[in-house]
Protein backbone atom coordinates (compact mmCIF):
# COMPACT_ATOMS: atom_id res chain seq x y z
CA UNK A 1 -3.18 -17.88 -6.65
CA UNK A 2 -2.56 -17.04 -10.04
CA UNK A 3 -5.93 -18.03 -11.29
CA UNK A 4 -7.98 -15.73 -8.87
CA UNK A 5 -4.97 -12.92 -8.42
CA UNK A 6 -5.74 -13.17 -4.73
CA UNK A 7 -3.04 -13.76 -2.19
CA UNK A 8 -3.21 -16.66 -0.20
CA UNK A 9 -2.12 -16.01 3.34
CA UNK A 10 -3.80 -19.10 5.05
CA UNK A 11 -1.92 -21.40 2.55
CA UNK A 12 1.25 -19.47 2.70
CA UNK A 13 1.43 -19.60 6.61
CA UNK A 14 0.05 -23.33 7.31
CA UNK A 15 2.94 -24.06 4.90
CA UNK A 16 5.76 -22.08 6.76
CA UNK A 17 4.16 -23.38 10.26
CA UNK A 18 4.54 -27.13 8.93
CA UNK A 19 8.23 -26.40 7.62
CA UNK A 20 9.88 -23.90 10.25
CA UNK A 21 7.30 -23.44 13.01
CA UNK A 22 5.94 -20.29 11.76
CA UNK A 23 6.86 -16.67 11.68
CA UNK A 24 6.07 -13.48 13.63
CA UNK A 25 6.59 -10.71 10.62
CA UNK A 26 6.77 -10.98 6.88
CA UNK A 27 8.62 -8.56 4.55
CA UNK A 28 6.70 -7.84 1.22
CA UNK A 29 8.71 -6.70 -1.61
CA UNK A 30 7.41 -5.91 -5.02
CA UNK A 31 10.13 -3.92 -6.44
CA UNK A 32 12.75 -6.56 -7.48
CA UNK A 33 13.10 -7.28 -10.39
CA UNK A 34 10.80 -4.61 -11.80
CA UNK A 35 12.15 -1.45 -10.54
CA UNK A 36 13.75 0.44 -13.37
CA UNK A 37 12.17 -0.99 -16.00
CA UNK A 38 9.92 2.06 -16.75
CA UNK A 39 9.16 5.12 -15.20
CA UNK A 40 7.21 3.51 -12.35
CA UNK A 41 8.91 4.23 -8.89
CA UNK A 42 8.68 1.91 -5.92
CA UNK A 43 5.06 3.35 -5.00
CA UNK A 44 3.72 2.58 -8.14
CA UNK A 45 5.02 -1.23 -8.13
CA UNK A 46 3.13 -1.31 -4.71
CA UNK A 47 0.04 0.04 -6.02
CA UNK A 48 0.23 -2.42 -8.92
CA UNK A 49 0.26 -5.44 -6.68
CA UNK A 50 -3.32 -7.84 -7.25
CA UNK A 51 -6.17 -5.76 -5.67
CA UNK A 52 -3.83 -2.39 -5.53
CA UNK A 53 -3.42 -0.66 -2.19
CA UNK A 54 -6.91 -1.93 -0.95
CA UNK A 55 -5.50 -5.58 -1.94
CA UNK A 56 -2.51 -4.65 0.53
CA UNK A 57 -4.96 -3.67 3.10
CA UNK A 58 -6.83 -6.96 3.12
CA UNK A 59 -3.76 -8.98 2.53
CA UNK A 60 -2.35 -7.09 5.79
CA UNK A 61 -5.54 -7.69 7.98
CA UNK A 62 -5.15 -11.32 7.26
CA UNK A 63 -1.74 -11.44 8.26
CA UNK A 64 -2.43 -9.52 11.46
CA UNK A 65 -5.40 -11.92 12.33
CA UNK A 66 -2.85 -14.68 12.36
CA UNK A 67 -0.69 -12.53 14.58
CA UNK A 68 1.86 -11.61 11.69
CA UNK A 69 3.37 -8.12 11.54
CA UNK A 70 4.14 -6.89 7.80
CA UNK A 71 6.84 -4.89 6.75
CA UNK A 72 7.26 -3.27 3.13
CA UNK A 73 10.51 -2.95 1.49
CA UNK A 74 11.76 0.31 0.71
CA UNK A 75 14.29 1.23 -1.87
CA UNK A 76 16.39 4.56 -1.08
CA UNK A 77 18.10 4.57 -4.45
CA UNK A 78 14.77 5.15 -6.15
CA UNK A 79 15.43 8.59 -7.05
CA UNK A 80 15.29 8.63 -10.92
CA UNK A 81 11.60 7.42 -11.53
CA UNK A 82 8.44 9.01 -11.25
CA UNK A 83 8.17 11.67 -8.70
CA UNK A 84 5.47 11.37 -6.08
CA UNK A 85 6.20 15.40 -5.39
CA UNK A 86 6.88 14.80 -1.64
CA UNK A 87 9.58 13.20 0.57
CA UNK A 88 9.92 9.33 0.69
CA UNK A 89 9.46 9.11 4.17
CA UNK A 90 6.50 10.95 3.75
CA UNK A 91 5.05 8.65 1.22
CA UNK A 92 5.83 5.37 3.16
CA UNK A 93 4.23 6.72 6.20
CA UNK A 94 0.96 7.66 4.34
CA UNK A 95 1.08 4.18 2.75
CA UNK A 96 1.56 1.97 5.59
CA UNK A 97 -1.20 3.99 7.48
CA UNK A 98 -3.51 3.48 4.59
CA UNK A 99 -2.69 -0.17 4.52
CA UNK A 100 -2.48 -0.94 8.14
CA UNK A 101 1.57 -1.75 7.52
CA UNK A 102 3.29 -2.09 10.48
CA UNK A 103 6.86 -0.75 9.26
CA UNK A 104 9.37 -1.31 6.27
CA UNK A 105 13.00 -2.65 5.63
CA UNK A 106 15.35 0.03 4.66
CA UNK A 107 17.17 -2.06 1.59
CA UNK A 108 20.85 -0.63 1.59
CA UNK A 109 20.67 1.47 4.50
CA UNK A 110 23.27 1.55 7.53
CA UNK A 111 20.43 3.07 9.75
CA UNK A 112 16.84 4.32 9.77
CA UNK A 113 16.49 8.07 9.30
CA UNK A 114 14.44 9.65 11.91
CA UNK A 115 12.78 11.51 9.13
CA UNK A 116 10.51 8.45 8.57
CA UNK A 117 9.62 7.80 12.20
CA UNK A 118 8.76 11.83 12.50
CA UNK A 119 6.64 11.37 9.31
CA UNK A 120 4.61 8.53 10.87
CA UNK A 121 4.28 10.42 13.83
CA UNK A 122 3.24 13.30 12.19
CA UNK A 123 -0.17 11.37 10.89
CA UNK A 124 -0.55 9.57 14.06
CA UNK A 125 0.54 6.24 13.03
CA UNK A 126 4.08 4.91 14.73
CA UNK A 127 6.13 2.82 12.33
CA UNK A 128 9.14 0.50 13.14
CA UNK A 129 12.30 1.03 10.39
CA UNK A 130 14.45 -2.45 10.06
CA UNK A 131 17.66 -1.42 8.72
CA UNK A 132 19.59 -3.79 6.08
CA UNK A 133 22.91 -3.33 7.27
CA UNK A 134 22.47 -3.69 11.17
CA UNK A 135 21.41 -0.10 12.58
CA UNK A 136 25.06 0.31 13.17
CA UNK A 137 27.50 2.86 11.99
CA UNK A 138 28.82 2.59 8.58
CA UNK A 139 31.42 4.63 6.68
CA UNK A 140 29.41 5.17 3.76
CA UNK A 141 28.85 8.49 1.70
CA UNK A 142 25.13 9.24 3.70
CA UNK A 143 25.65 11.47 6.67
CA UNK A 144 23.24 9.73 8.41
CA UNK A 145 24.95 6.43 8.54
CA UNK A 146 28.12 7.92 10.22
CA UNK A 147 26.52 8.04 13.77
CA UNK A 148 24.93 5.71 16.33
CA UNK A 149 22.08 8.14 16.98
CA UNK A 150 19.90 5.99 15.25
CA UNK A 151 20.21 3.54 18.17
CA UNK A 152 17.81 5.44 19.89
CA UNK A 153 14.84 4.80 17.49
CA UNK A 154 16.02 2.21 15.22
CA UNK A 155 14.71 -0.65 17.30
CA UNK A 156 15.09 -3.66 14.81
CA UNK A 157 17.42 -4.66 11.89
CA UNK A 158 18.70 -7.44 10.18
CA UNK A 159 21.32 -9.56 11.85
CA UNK A 160 24.40 -8.47 9.90
CA UNK A 161 27.58 -7.91 11.37
CA UNK A 162 29.87 -6.83 8.79
CA UNK A 163 31.07 -3.21 9.21
CA UNK A 164 32.22 -2.60 5.68
CA UNK A 165 32.52 -4.44 2.43
CA UNK A 166 35.72 -4.09 0.45
CA UNK A 167 38.49 -6.11 2.08
CA UNK A 168 41.44 -6.94 0.19
CA UNK A 169 39.91 -9.82 -1.71
CA UNK A 170 36.21 -7.65 -1.81
CA UNK A 171 34.93 -9.48 0.87
CA UNK A 172 33.16 -8.09 4.08
CA UNK A 173 35.08 -7.19 6.97
CA UNK A 174 33.68 -8.26 10.10
CA UNK A 175 33.50 -6.79 13.94
CA UNK A 176 34.15 -9.09 16.59
CA UNK A 177 30.71 -8.42 18.00
CA UNK A 178 27.91 -8.62 15.57
CA UNK A 179 26.08 -5.25 14.99
CA UNK A 180 22.90 -6.03 16.63
CA UNK A 181 24.91 -6.92 20.06
CA UNK A 182 26.50 -3.57 19.75
CA UNK A 183 23.17 -1.90 19.70
CA UNK A 184 21.94 -3.87 22.58
CA UNK A 185 24.84 -2.67 24.64
CA UNK A 186 24.47 0.63 23.57
CA UNK A 187 20.59 0.29 24.17
CA UNK A 188 20.10 -1.95 27.36
CA UNK A 189 16.26 -2.25 27.25
CA UNK A 190 16.85 -4.28 23.81
CA UNK A 191 18.65 -7.01 26.21
CA UNK A 192 16.83 -10.14 27.03
CA UNK A 193 17.30 -11.36 30.29
């Protein structure tokens, strides 16, 4: 609400229910287009939302009361801004625990790095990571993206099914099988009956 600077979760969910039948998760994304305008990092932008982290906690509680999981956006390219003094996965785990969040979406990430889940487990707060690029093998420069190993812990992802960008015309190149189906084939418990 622009006048009260409070989130209107019930109004939002009622609108989504009327238009689409509802949702079971929501992805919060405060960083675009603000990241890089000044020295604030992505965590600072979370802290600057209405009510700060306490406001995000209240927002999350309202979503949870309606049966909706809350995911945070994560920007791995946030490397040159204000340093938190610890690894991103440590900060992510701490802030999700503090606010009650359920997990995060890894923007531009081919896989979710195990360090995120390990950091959350270390503080007794398991989370889920959602790789934007499907949680599948990608031929990128990050070594973590050159393996299917993350299929053991990466339980959700966006439904992308391209295996790379930069075909002859700059477009995406696609597998025959969507990446999410490949992950379910590799990890049968993820299959639906």
